[in-house]
């Protein structure tokens, strides 16, 4: 006997990890002009893929390793993101990995999110 009524839901598999990296903001305004120069962050990467069922259709460890390896191959280790903002990095990852959304945070404090 079913004790609840199944409601249609969207389901996602999420990954969440950190990558050490550097970037800079060439047009940083005067109050934060120090951001014009390369500075280090632990970039927290969060990504979501749609899944059709809730029983490990996609494996978190496999996807995490795949994304980390791609970032290291593409940007080095530590990652050299140059003048890319969090939103720019997120957009690159969204396009490369065909996921639903990507968040890139600086030191877990703030950052950007892009969605399909």
C-alpha atoms as a PDB file:
ATOM      1  CA  UNK A   1       0.000   0.000   0.000  1.00  0.00           C
ATOM      2  CA  UNK A   2       1.430   3.365  -1.036  1.00  0.00           C
ATOM      3  CA  UNK A   3       1.369   5.835   1.843  1.00  0.00           C
ATOM      4  CA  UNK A   4       2.109   8.968  -0.171  1.00  0.00           C
ATOM      5  CA  UNK A   5       1.123  10.372  -3.489  1.00  0.00           C
ATOM      6  CA  UNK A   6       4.072  10.673  -5.884  1.00  0.00           C
ATOM      7  CA  UNK A   7       4.461  14.248  -7.062  1.00  0.00           C
ATOM      8  CA  UNK A   8       6.318  14.864 -10.330  1.00  0.00           C
ATOM      9  CA  UNK A   9       9.707  16.402  -9.541  1.00  0.00           C
ATOM     10  CA  UNK A  10      12.843  17.474 -11.330  1.00  0.00           C
ATOM     11  CA  UNK A  11      15.843  15.515 -10.119  1.00  0.00           C
ATOM     12  CA  UNK A  12      19.480  16.582 -10.307  1.00  0.00           C
ATOM     13  CA  UNK A  13      22.827  15.012  -9.559  1.00  0.00           C
ATOM     14  CA  UNK A  14      25.171  17.583  -8.002  1.00  0.00           C
ATOM     15  CA  UNK A  15      28.922  17.869  -7.706  1.00  0.00           C
ATOM     16  CA  UNK A  16      30.635  20.296  -5.347  1.00  0.00           C
ATOM     17  CA  UNK A  17      34.417  20.642  -5.070  1.00  0.00           C
ATOM     18  CA  UNK A  18      37.237  23.173  -4.777  1.00  0.00           C
ATOM     19  CA  UNK A  19      39.991  24.074  -7.221  1.00  0.00           C
ATOM     20  CA  UNK A  20      42.923  26.313  -6.357  1.00  0.00           C
ATOM     21  CA  UNK A  21      43.348  29.050  -8.919  1.00  0.00           C
ATOM     22  CA  UNK A  22      44.271  32.598  -9.812  1.00  0.00           C
ATOM     23  CA  UNK A  23      42.548  35.338 -11.758  1.00  0.00           C
ATOM     24  CA  UNK A  24      42.441  39.115 -12.050  1.00  0.00           C
ATOM     25  CA  UNK A  25      39.927  41.845 -12.841  1.00  0.00           C
ATOM     26  CA  UNK A  26      41.612  44.379 -15.160  1.00  0.00           C
ATOM     27  CA  UNK A  27      38.862  47.012 -14.847  1.00  0.00           C
ATOM     28  CA  UNK A  28      38.462  46.791 -11.062  1.00  0.00           C
ATOM     29  CA  UNK A  29      37.155  50.079  -9.638  1.00  0.00           C
ATOM     30  CA  UNK A  30      39.277  52.193  -7.274  1.00  0.00           C
ATOM     31  CA  UNK A  31      37.995  50.784  -3.955  1.00  0.00           C
ATOM     32  CA  UNK A  32      39.114  47.294  -5.005  1.00  0.00           C
ATOM     33  CA  UNK A  33      41.870  48.114  -7.483  1.00  0.00           C
ATOM     34  CA  UNK A  34      44.067  45.401  -5.939  1.00  0.00           C
ATOM     35  CA  UNK A  35      41.852  42.931  -7.857  1.00  0.00           C
ATOM     36  CA  UNK A  36      43.521  44.131 -11.082  1.00  0.00           C
ATOM     37  CA  UNK A  37      46.453  41.886 -10.182  1.00  0.00           C
ATOM     38  CA  UNK A  38      46.570  38.108 -10.065  1.00  0.00           C
ATOM     39  CA  UNK A  39      45.168  36.860  -6.794  1.00  0.00           C
ATOM     40  CA  UNK A  40      44.496  33.396  -5.414  1.00  0.00           C
ATOM     41  CA  UNK A  41      41.187  31.808  -4.509  1.00  0.00           C
ATOM     42  CA  UNK A  42      39.842  28.411  -3.688  1.00  0.00           C
ATOM     43  CA  UNK A  43      37.194  28.349  -6.382  1.00  0.00           C
ATOM     44  CA  UNK A  44      34.227  26.289  -5.249  1.00  0.00           C
ATOM     45  CA  UNK A  45      32.580  24.648  -8.247  1.00  0.00           C
ATOM     46  CA  UNK A  46      29.001  23.410  -8.052  1.00  0.00           C
ATOM     47  CA  UNK A  47      27.311  21.783 -11.032  1.00  0.00           C
ATOM     48  CA  UNK A  48      23.990  20.026 -11.618  1.00  0.00           C
ATOM     49  CA  UNK A  49      22.883  17.489 -14.222  1.00  0.00           C
ATOM     50  CA  UNK A  50      19.320  16.331 -14.761  1.00  0.00           C
ATOM     51  CA  UNK A  51      18.660  12.680 -13.962  1.00  0.00           C
ATOM     52  CA  UNK A  52      15.648  10.566 -14.896  1.00  0.00           C
ATOM     53  CA  UNK A  53      15.641   8.454 -11.743  1.00  0.00           C
ATOM     54  CA  UNK A  54      16.995   8.669  -8.222  1.00  0.00           C
ATOM     55  CA  UNK A  55      19.183   5.553  -8.177  1.00  0.00           C
ATOM     56  CA  UNK A  56      22.632   6.776  -9.248  1.00  0.00           C
ATOM     57  CA  UNK A  57      21.950   7.259 -12.910  1.00  0.00           C
ATOM     58  CA  UNK A  58      25.051   9.468 -12.864  1.00  0.00           C
ATOM     59  CA  UNK A  59      27.867   8.890 -10.362  1.00  0.00           C
ATOM     60  CA  UNK A  60      29.093  11.876  -8.341  1.00  0.00           C
ATOM     61  CA  UNK A  61      32.707  10.693  -8.026  1.00  0.00           C
ATOM     62  CA  UNK A  62      33.033  10.023 -11.762  1.00  0.00           C
ATOM     63  CA  UNK A  63      31.650  13.416 -12.749  1.00  0.00           C
ATOM     64  CA  UNK A  64      33.726  15.251 -10.137  1.00  0.00           C
ATOM     65  CA  UNK A  65      36.934  13.613 -11.376  1.00  0.00           C
ATOM     66  CA  UNK A  66      36.005  14.283 -15.002  1.00  0.00           C
ATOM     67  CA  UNK A  67      35.454  18.011 -14.383  1.00  0.00           C
ATOM     68  CA  UNK A  68      38.572  18.384 -12.193  1.00  0.00           C
ATOM     69  CA  UNK A  69      40.733  16.632 -14.807  1.00  0.00           C
ATOM     70  CA  UNK A  70      39.353  18.854 -17.582  1.00  0.00           C
ATOM     71  CA  UNK A  71      39.998  22.036 -15.562  1.00  0.00           C
ATOM     72  CA  UNK A  72      43.562  20.927 -14.800  1.00  0.00           C
ATOM     73  CA  UNK A  73      44.236  20.020 -18.447  1.00  0.00           C
ATOM     74  CA  UNK A  74      42.694  23.259 -19.737  1.00  0.00           C
ATOM     75  CA  UNK A  75      43.814  25.801 -17.123  1.00  0.00           C
ATOM     76  CA  UNK A  76      46.691  24.084 -15.274  1.00  0.00           C
ATOM     77  CA  UNK A  77      47.181  23.369 -11.594  1.00  0.00           C
ATOM     78  CA  UNK A  78      46.734  25.695  -9.875  1.00  0.00           C
ATOM     79  CA  UNK A  79      44.244  26.944 -12.470  1.00  0.00           C
ATOM     80  CA  UNK A  80      45.203  30.121 -14.307  1.00  0.00           C
ATOM     81  CA  UNK A  81      41.843  31.673 -15.138  1.00  0.00           C
ATOM     82  CA  UNK A  82      43.474  34.987 -16.182  1.00  0.00           C
ATOM     83  CA  UNK A  83      40.849  37.742 -16.506  1.00  0.00           C
ATOM     84  CA  UNK A  84      37.849  35.392 -16.345  1.00  0.00           C
ATOM     85  CA  UNK A  85      35.182  36.174 -13.771  1.00  0.00           C
ATOM     86  CA  UNK A  86      33.297  33.506 -11.849  1.00  0.00           C
ATOM     87  CA  UNK A  87      30.425  33.886 -14.315  1.00  0.00           C
ATOM     88  CA  UNK A  88      32.778  33.412 -17.276  1.00  0.00           C
ATOM     89  CA  UNK A  89      34.289  30.272 -15.745  1.00  0.00           C
ATOM     90  CA  UNK A  90      30.805  28.944 -15.007  1.00  0.00           C
ATOM     91  CA  UNK A  91      29.681  29.568 -18.589  1.00  0.00           C
ATOM     92  CA  UNK A  92      32.683  27.675 -19.967  1.00  0.00           C
ATOM     93  CA  UNK A  93      31.897  24.705 -17.708  1.00  0.00           C
ATOM     94  CA  UNK A  94      28.185  24.812 -18.582  1.00  0.00           C
ATOM     95  CA  UNK A  95      28.980  24.604 -22.285  1.00  0.00           C
ATOM     96  CA  UNK A  96      31.710  21.971 -21.923  1.00  0.00           C
ATOM     97  CA  UNK A  97      29.741  19.597 -19.680  1.00  0.00           C
ATOM     98  CA  UNK A  98      26.164  20.201 -20.862  1.00  0.00           C
ATOM     99  CA  UNK A  99      24.762  20.482 -17.356  1.00  0.00           C
ATOM    100  CA  UNK A 100      21.754  22.429 -16.081  1.00  0.00           C
ATOM    101  CA  UNK A 101      23.582  25.043 -14.020  1.00  0.00           C
ATOM    102  CA  UNK A 102      27.018  25.899 -12.669  1.00  0.00           C
ATOM    103  CA  UNK A 103      28.069  28.004  -9.695  1.00  0.00           C
ATOM    104  CA  UNK A 104      31.618  29.262  -9.191  1.00  0.00           C
ATOM    105  CA  UNK A 105      32.309  30.831  -5.804  1.00  0.00           C
ATOM    106  CA  UNK A 106      35.448  32.546  -4.538  1.00  0.00           C
ATOM    107  CA  UNK A 107      36.538  31.066  -1.226  1.00  0.00           C
ATOM    108  CA  UNK A 108      32.960  29.931  -0.585  1.00  0.00           C
ATOM    109  CA  UNK A 109      31.845  33.547  -0.097  1.00  0.00           C
ATOM    110  CA  UNK A 110      30.382  34.876  -3.325  1.00  0.00           C
ATOM    111  CA  UNK A 111      30.585  34.308  -7.029  1.00  0.00           C
ATOM    112  CA  UNK A 112      28.358  33.616  -9.980  1.00  0.00           C
ATOM    113  CA  UNK A 113      25.824  31.170 -11.326  1.00  0.00           C
ATOM    114  CA  UNK A 114      24.792  30.433 -14.910  1.00  0.00           C
ATOM    115  CA  UNK A 115      21.876  28.301 -16.042  1.00  0.00           C
ATOM    116  CA  UNK A 116      20.500  26.922 -19.279  1.00  0.00           C
END
